[in-house]
C-alpha atoms as a PDB file:
ATOM      1  CA  MET A   1     149.427  83.038 236.355  1.00  0.00           C
ATOM      2  CA  ALA A   2     145.843  82.242 236.869  1.00  0.00           C
ATOM      3  CA  SER A   3     144.871  85.313 235.308  1.00  0.00           C
ATOM      4  CA  LEU A   4     146.883  84.741 232.178  1.00  0.00           C
ATOM      5  CA  HIS A   5     145.389  81.388 231.757  1.00  0.00           C
ATOM      6  CA  LYS A   6     142.043  82.973 232.112  1.00  0.00           C
ATOM      7  CA  VAL A   7     142.946  85.510 229.463  1.00  0.00           C
ATOM      8  CA  GLN A   8     144.168  82.990 227.288  1.00  0.00           C
ATOM      9  CA  THR A   9     140.809  80.901 227.538  1.00  0.00           C
ATOM     10  CA  ILE A  10     138.790  84.054 226.806  1.00  0.00           C
ATOM     11  CA  LEU A  11     140.768  84.743 223.745  1.00  0.00           C
ATOM     12  CA  SER A  12     140.610  81.189 222.409  1.00  0.00           C
ATOM     13  CA  ILE A  13     136.689  81.231 223.020  1.00  0.00           C
ATOM     14  CA  PHE A  14     136.733  84.680 221.132  1.00  0.00           C
ATOM     15  CA  LEU A  15     138.745  83.311 218.263  1.00  0.00           C
ATOM     16  CA  VAL A  16     136.436  80.270 217.989  1.00  0.00           C
ATOM     17  CA  LEU A  17     133.444  82.439 217.846  1.00  0.00           C
ATOM     18  CA  VAL A  18     135.046  84.579 215.186  1.00  0.00           C
ATOM     19  CA  SER A  19     135.900  81.524 213.137  1.00  0.00           C
ATOM     20  CA  VAL A  20     132.233  80.099 213.623  1.00  0.00           C
ATOM     21  CA  GLY A  21     131.027  83.509 212.601  1.00  0.00           C
ATOM     22  CA  CYS A  22     133.058  83.648 209.488  1.00  0.00           C
ATOM     23  CA  ALA A  23     131.996  80.079 208.684  1.00  0.00           C
ATOM     24  CA  SER A  24     128.400  80.779 209.143  1.00  0.00           C
ATOM     25  CA  LYS A  25     128.597  83.835 206.815  1.00  0.00           C
ATOM     26  CA  LYS A  26     130.352  81.946 204.145  1.00  0.00           C
ATOM     27  CA  TYR A  27     127.727  79.170 204.584  1.00  0.00           C
ATOM     28  CA  VAL A  28     124.771  81.653 204.444  1.00  0.00           C
ATOM     29  CA  LYS A  29     126.399  83.326 201.206  1.00  0.00           C
ATOM     30  CA  THR A  30     126.712  79.908 199.664  1.00  0.00           C
ATOM     31  CA  GLU A  31     123.158  79.051 200.332  1.00  0.00           C
ATOM     32  CA  THR A  32     121.871  82.418 199.400  1.00  0.00           C
ATOM     33  CA  ALA A  33     123.597  82.009 195.956  1.00  0.00           C
ATOM     34  CA  ALA A  34     122.288  78.629 195.567  1.00  0.00           C
ATOM     35  CA  ALA A  35     118.769  79.703 196.499  1.00  0.00           C
ATOM     36  CA  GLU A  36     119.098  82.594 194.034  1.00  0.00           C
ATOM     37  CA  SER A  37     120.146  80.197 191.292  1.00  0.00           C
ATOM     38  CA  ARG A  38     117.361  77.761 191.883  1.00  0.00           C
ATOM     39  CA  ALA A  39     114.847  80.698 192.088  1.00  0.00           C
ATOM     40  CA  GLY A  40     116.219  81.985 188.796  1.00  0.00           C
ATOM     41  CA  GLU A  41     115.796  78.405 187.057  1.00  0.00           C
ATOM     42  CA  ARG A  42     112.334  78.242 188.256  1.00  0.00           C
ATOM     43  CA  ILE A  43     111.446  81.750 186.978  1.00  0.00           C
ATOM     44  CA  ASP A  44     113.119  80.928 183.605  1.00  0.00           C
ATOM     45  CA  GLY A  45     111.055  77.599 183.567  1.00  0.00           C
ATOM     46  CA  LEU A  46     107.649  79.534 184.341  1.00  0.00           C
ATOM     47  CA  GLU A  47     108.322  82.160 181.612  1.00  0.00           C
ATOM     48  CA  SER A  48     108.907  79.311 179.161  1.00  0.00           C
ATOM     49  CA  GLN A  49     105.693  77.532 180.299  1.00  0.00           C
ATOM     50  CA  VAL A  50     103.869  80.808 180.036  1.00  0.00           C
ATOM     51  CA  GLU A  51     105.136  81.486 176.539  1.00  0.00           C
ATOM     52  CA  GLN A  52     104.106  77.802 175.438  1.00  0.00           C
ATOM     53  CA  ASN A  53     100.734  78.433 176.945  1.00  0.00           C
ATOM     54  CA  GLN A  54     100.193  81.712 175.186  1.00  0.00           C
ATOM     55  CA  THR A  55     101.103  79.966 171.859  1.00  0.00           C
ATOM     56  CA  GLU A  56      98.752  77.157 172.459  1.00  0.00           C
ATOM     57  CA  ILE A  57      95.941  79.584 173.348  1.00  0.00           C
ATOM     58  CA  SER A  58      96.721  81.630 170.245  1.00  0.00           C
ATOM     59  CA  ASN A  59      96.480  78.454 167.976  1.00  0.00           C
ATOM     60  CA  GLN A  60      93.414  77.285 169.754  1.00  0.00           C
ATOM     61  CA  GLU A  61      91.701  80.880 169.106  1.00  0.00           C
ATOM     62  CA  ALA A  62      92.651  80.577 165.484  1.00  0.00           C
ATOM     63  CA  GLU A  63      91.164  77.025 165.247  1.00  0.00           C
ATOM     64  CA  ILE A  64      87.992  78.187 166.865  1.00  0.00           C
ATOM     65  CA  ALA A  65      87.564  81.219 164.565  1.00  0.00           C
ATOM     66  CA  GLU A  66      88.218  79.115 161.540  1.00  0.00           C
ATOM     67  CA  VAL A  67      85.516  76.658 162.758  1.00  0.00           C
ATOM     68  CA  SER A  68      83.238  79.342 163.560  1.00  0.00           C
ATOM     69  CA  ARG A  69      83.501  80.625 160.214  1.00  0.00           C
ATOM     70  CA  THR A  70      82.478  77.504 158.429  1.00  0.00           C
ATOM     71  CA  ALA A  71      79.742  76.996 160.684  1.00  0.00           C
ATOM     72  CA  GLN A  72      78.504  80.252 159.870  1.00  0.00           C
ATOM     73  CA  GLU A  73      78.756  79.629 156.271  1.00  0.00           C
ATOM     74  CA  ALA A  74      76.638  76.444 156.672  1.00  0.00           C
ATOM     75  CA  LEU A  75      73.915  78.494 158.441  1.00  0.00           C
ATOM     76  CA  ASP A  76      74.077  81.016 155.641  1.00  0.00           C
ATOM     77  CA  ARG A  77      73.565  78.251 152.940  1.00  0.00           C
ATOM     78  CA  ALA A  78      70.716  76.684 154.895  1.00  0.00           C
ATOM     79  CA  ILE A  79      68.922  79.944 155.439  1.00  0.00           C
ATOM     80  CA  ALA A  80      69.345  80.737 151.721  1.00  0.00           C
ATOM     81  CA  ALA A  81      67.996  77.470 150.730  1.00  0.00           C
ATOM     82  CA  GLY A  82      64.984  77.710 153.140  1.00  0.00           C
ATOM     83  CA  GLN A  83      65.753  74.573 154.958  1.00  0.00           C
ATOM     84  CA  LEU A  84      65.559  75.970 158.557  1.00  0.00           C
ATOM     85  CA  ALA A  85      62.607  76.614 160.579  1.00  0.00           C
ATOM     86  CA  GLU A  86      64.251  79.088 163.015  1.00  0.00           C
ATOM     87  CA  GLY A  87      67.420  79.777 161.284  1.00  0.00           C
ATOM     88  CA  ARG A  88      69.708  79.126 164.239  1.00  0.00           C
ATOM     89  CA  PHE A  89      72.954  77.462 164.997  1.00  0.00           C
ATOM     90  CA  ILE A  90      72.888  74.641 167.620  1.00  0.00           C
ATOM     91  CA  PHE A  91      76.139  72.971 167.773  1.00  0.00           C
ATOM     92  CA  GLU A  92      78.797  71.645 165.760  1.00  0.00           C
ATOM     93  CA  THR A  93      80.811  68.486 166.070  1.00  0.00           C
ATOM     94  CA  ILE A  94      84.545  67.880 164.621  1.00  0.00           C
ATOM     95  CA  MET A  95      85.778  64.570 164.016  1.00  0.00           C
ATOM     96  CA  THR A  96      89.557  64.502 163.087  1.00  0.00           C
ATOM     97  CA  ASP A  97      91.295  61.702 161.429  1.00  0.00           C
ATOM     98  CA  GLU A  98      92.248  60.414 164.880  1.00  0.00           C
ATOM     99  CA  GLN A  99      88.595  59.620 165.616  1.00  0.00           C
ATOM    100  CA  VAL A 100      87.260  58.499 162.346  1.00  0.00           C
ATOM    101  CA  ARG A 101      90.287  56.785 160.724  1.00  0.00           C
ATOM    102  CA  PHE A 102      89.591  57.054 157.062  1.00  0.00           C
ATOM    103  CA  GLY A 103      91.912  54.798 155.024  1.00  0.00           C
ATOM    104  CA  LEU A 104      94.520  56.562 153.030  1.00  0.00           C
ATOM    105  CA  ASN A 105      92.735  58.376 150.121  1.00  0.00           C
ATOM    106  CA  GLN A 106      89.689  56.288 151.132  1.00  0.00           C
ATOM    107  CA  ALA A 107      86.139  57.449 152.047  1.00  0.00           C
ATOM    108  CA  ASP A 108      84.938  54.102 153.653  1.00  0.00           C
ATOM    109  CA  LEU A 109      83.849  54.468 157.277  1.00  0.00           C
ATOM    110  CA  SER A 110      85.942  52.574 159.824  1.00  0.00           C
ATOM    111  CA  GLY A 111      84.653  51.146 163.080  1.00  0.00           C
ATOM    112  CA  GLU A 112      85.875  53.978 164.927  1.00  0.00           C
ATOM    113  CA  ALA A 113      83.920  56.434 162.532  1.00  0.00           C
ATOM    114  CA  LYS A 114      80.833  54.592 162.752  1.00  0.00           C
ATOM    115  CA  ALA A 115      81.116  54.528 166.773  1.00  0.00           C
ATOM    116  CA  ALA A 116      81.853  58.358 166.596  1.00  0.00           C
ATOM    117  CA  LEU A 117      78.699  58.888 164.516  1.00  0.00           C
ATOM    118  CA  ASP A 118      76.658  56.644 166.550  1.00  0.00           C
ATOM    119  CA  ALA A 119      77.415  58.882 169.697  1.00  0.00           C
ATOM    120  CA  PHE A 120      76.718  61.973 167.527  1.00  0.00           C
ATOM    121  CA  ALA A 121      73.350  60.541 166.470  1.00  0.00           C
ATOM    122  CA  GLU A 122      72.404  59.874 170.193  1.00  0.00           C
ATOM    123  CA  LEU A 123      73.106  63.662 170.785  1.00  0.00           C
ATOM    124  CA  ILE A 124      70.653  64.592 168.085  1.00  0.00           C
ATOM    125  CA  ARG A 125      68.143  62.341 169.703  1.00  0.00           C
ATOM    126  CA  ILE A 126      68.585  64.188 173.094  1.00  0.00           C
ATOM    127  CA  GLU A 127      68.117  67.536 171.328  1.00  0.00           C
ATOM    128  CA  GLY A 128      64.956  66.096 170.289  1.00  0.00           C
ATOM    129  CA  ALA A 129      64.354  68.869 167.871  1.00  0.00           C
ATOM    130  CA  SER A 130      63.809  68.730 163.929  1.00  0.00           C
ATOM    131  CA  VAL A 131      67.355  69.654 162.924  1.00  0.00           C
ATOM    132  CA  PHE A 132      69.082  70.178 159.563  1.00  0.00           C
ATOM    133  CA  ILE A 133      72.696  68.809 159.334  1.00  0.00           C
ATOM    134  CA  GLU A 134      75.470  69.973 157.036  1.00  0.00           C
ATOM    135  CA  ILE A 135      78.400  67.810 156.705  1.00  0.00           C
ATOM    136  CA  GLN A 136      81.600  69.313 155.809  1.00  0.00           C
ATOM    137  CA  GLY A 137      84.441  67.260 154.485  1.00  0.00           C
ATOM    138  CA  HIS A 138      88.173  68.644 154.983  1.00  0.00           C
ATOM    139  CA  THR A 139      91.550  67.208 153.838  1.00  0.00           C
ATOM    140  CA  ASP A 140      95.180  67.836 154.273  1.00  0.00           C
ATOM    141  CA  SER A 141      97.107  69.647 151.512  1.00  0.00           C
ATOM    142  CA  GLN A 142      98.698  66.614 150.183  1.00  0.00           C
ATOM    143  CA  GLY A 143      97.268  65.930 146.600  1.00  0.00           C
ATOM    144  CA  SER A 144      95.864  68.248 144.014  1.00  0.00           C
ATOM    145  CA  GLU A 145      93.053  70.717 144.892  1.00  0.00           C
ATOM    146  CA  ALA A 146      90.357  68.942 142.658  1.00  0.00           C
ATOM    147  CA  PHE A 147      91.405  65.444 144.157  1.00  0.00           C
ATOM    148  CA  ASN A 148      91.027  66.858 147.751  1.00  0.00           C
ATOM    149  CA  ILE A 149      87.716  68.313 147.007  1.00  0.00           C
ATOM    150  CA  ASP A 150      86.472  65.022 145.615  1.00  0.00           C
ATOM    151  CA  LEU A 151      87.824  63.201 148.676  1.00  0.00           C
ATOM    152  CA  GLY A 152      86.348  65.601 151.210  1.00  0.00           C
ATOM    153  CA  GLY A 153      83.119  65.267 149.237  1.00  0.00           C
ATOM    154  CA  ARG A 154      83.070  61.447 149.270  1.00  0.00           C
ATOM    155  CA  ARG A 155      83.792  61.453 152.922  1.00  0.00           C
ATOM    156  CA  ALA A 156      80.953  63.673 153.855  1.00  0.00           C
ATOM    157  CA  GLU A 157      78.616  61.577 151.797  1.00  0.00           C
ATOM    158  CA  SER A 158      79.560  58.524 153.459  1.00  0.00           C
ATOM    159  CA  VAL A 159      78.840  60.005 156.822  1.00  0.00           C
ATOM    160  CA  ARG A 160      75.297  61.238 155.585  1.00  0.00           C
ATOM    161  CA  ARG A 161      74.705  57.621 154.128  1.00  0.00           C
ATOM    162  CA  TYR A 162      75.522  56.112 157.400  1.00  0.00           C
ATOM    163  CA  LEU A 163      73.377  58.583 159.494  1.00  0.00           C
ATOM    164  CA  SER A 164      70.496  57.712 157.173  1.00  0.00           C
ATOM    165  CA  SER A 165      70.970  53.954 156.911  1.00  0.00           C
ATOM    166  CA  ALA A 166      71.785  53.326 160.553  1.00  0.00           C
ATOM    167  CA  HIS A 167      69.918  56.050 162.466  1.00  0.00           C
ATOM    168  CA  ASP A 168      66.953  56.866 160.024  1.00  0.00           C
ATOM    169  CA  PHE A 169      68.096  60.567 159.712  1.00  0.00           C
ATOM    170  CA  PRO A 170      66.120  61.866 156.565  1.00  0.00           C
ATOM    171  CA  LEU A 171      68.360  62.494 153.635  1.00  0.00           C
ATOM    172  CA  HIS A 172      66.642  65.768 152.780  1.00  0.00           C
ATOM    173  CA  ARG A 173      67.483  67.028 156.269  1.00  0.00           C
ATOM    174  CA  MET A 174      71.294  66.617 155.667  1.00  0.00           C
ATOM    175  CA  SER A 175      73.591  68.163 153.007  1.00  0.00           C
ATOM    176  CA  VAL A 176      77.091  67.759 152.161  1.00  0.00           C
ATOM    177  CA  ILE A 177      79.936  70.095 151.179  1.00  0.00           C
ATOM    178  CA  SER A 178      83.518  69.505 150.558  1.00  0.00           C
ATOM    179  CA  TYR A 179      86.136  72.452 151.534  1.00  0.00           C
ATOM    180  CA  GLY A 180      89.065  70.090 150.414  1.00  0.00           C
ATOM    181  CA  SER A 181      92.255  71.498 151.837  1.00  0.00           C
ATOM    182  CA  ARG A 182      91.200  75.159 151.786  1.00  0.00           C
ATOM    183  CA  VAL A 183      90.338  75.729 155.328  1.00  0.00           C
ATOM    184  CA  PRO A 184      93.115  74.250 157.494  1.00  0.00           C
ATOM    185  CA  ILE A 185      92.977  74.413 161.202  1.00  0.00           C
ATOM    186  CA  ALA A 186      96.627  73.392 161.851  1.00  0.00           C
ATOM    187  CA  SER A 187      99.940  73.571 159.953  1.00  0.00           C
ATOM    188  CA  ASN A 188     100.199  71.121 157.154  1.00  0.00           C
ATOM    189  CA  ASP A 189     103.968  71.097 157.454  1.00  0.00           C
ATOM    190  CA  THR A 190     103.823  68.299 160.266  1.00  0.00           C
ATOM    191  CA  ALA A 191     102.133  64.985 160.423  1.00  0.00           C
ATOM    192  CA  GLU A 192     100.168  65.884 163.450  1.00  0.00           C
ATOM    193  CA  GLY A 193      98.726  68.995 161.805  1.00  0.00           C
ATOM    194  CA  ARG A 194      97.762  67.054 158.717  1.00  0.00           C
ATOM    195  CA  SER A 195      95.993  64.713 161.010  1.00  0.00           C
ATOM    196  CA  GLN A 196      93.938  67.452 162.474  1.00  0.00           C
ATOM    197  CA  ASN A 197      93.246  68.946 158.951  1.00  0.00           C
ATOM    198  CA  ARG A 198      91.722  65.644 157.786  1.00  0.00           C
ATOM    199  CA  ARG A 199      88.334  65.966 159.444  1.00  0.00           C
ATOM    200  CA  VAL A 200      84.600  65.720 159.075  1.00  0.00           C
ATOM    201  CA  ALA A 201      82.431  68.558 160.604  1.00  0.00           C
ATOM    202  CA  LEU A 202      78.762  68.138 161.388  1.00  0.00           C
ATOM    203  CA  VAL A 203      76.990  71.506 161.843  1.00  0.00           C
ATOM    204  CA  VAL A 204      73.739  71.171 163.473  1.00  0.00           C
ATOM    205  CA  LEU A 205      71.196  73.850 162.649  1.00  0.00           C
ATOM    206  CA  SER A 206      67.318  74.215 163.190  1.00  0.00           C
END
């Protein structure tokens, strides 16, 4: 009888172990599936982030190429006019609508615009060289081409006058040009893009 009881006990223990083993396998399978699902979600998220980063980089590269083109044009114009001692590009500062805050269809400088130009003037003083500055006015695509060319020119001229009156920059060492809406650096289909396109570029040459 004792032997039968011992066998029953061993059998019970074996069944418990088998049951635990099955439960453990089921748990492992469940956890593995959940982990694979989480990993898949992370991979999808990373792929989406990579695609977004690549799009942003492409947009930035296009913007840099466009800015470089207008800077090169400024250098070519200044060289042709004999306004440079060395004929070299020093740097370029872009002031978008977010920084200069021109009023709607206005060319008057805001407080933000004057502060940005004060900082720009300090950079020129640090440079310490006799420089030539081309001030380029850009607008968004709203309005006629003639209106935008005029508006961009008036805004660039306001910048030139301020640099002369507030910081004693010689007028003959500065020129203005308006591109109007012809050289966008962002899409004009969105408010954010139009804000980036409304800008003043200061190209510093020597």
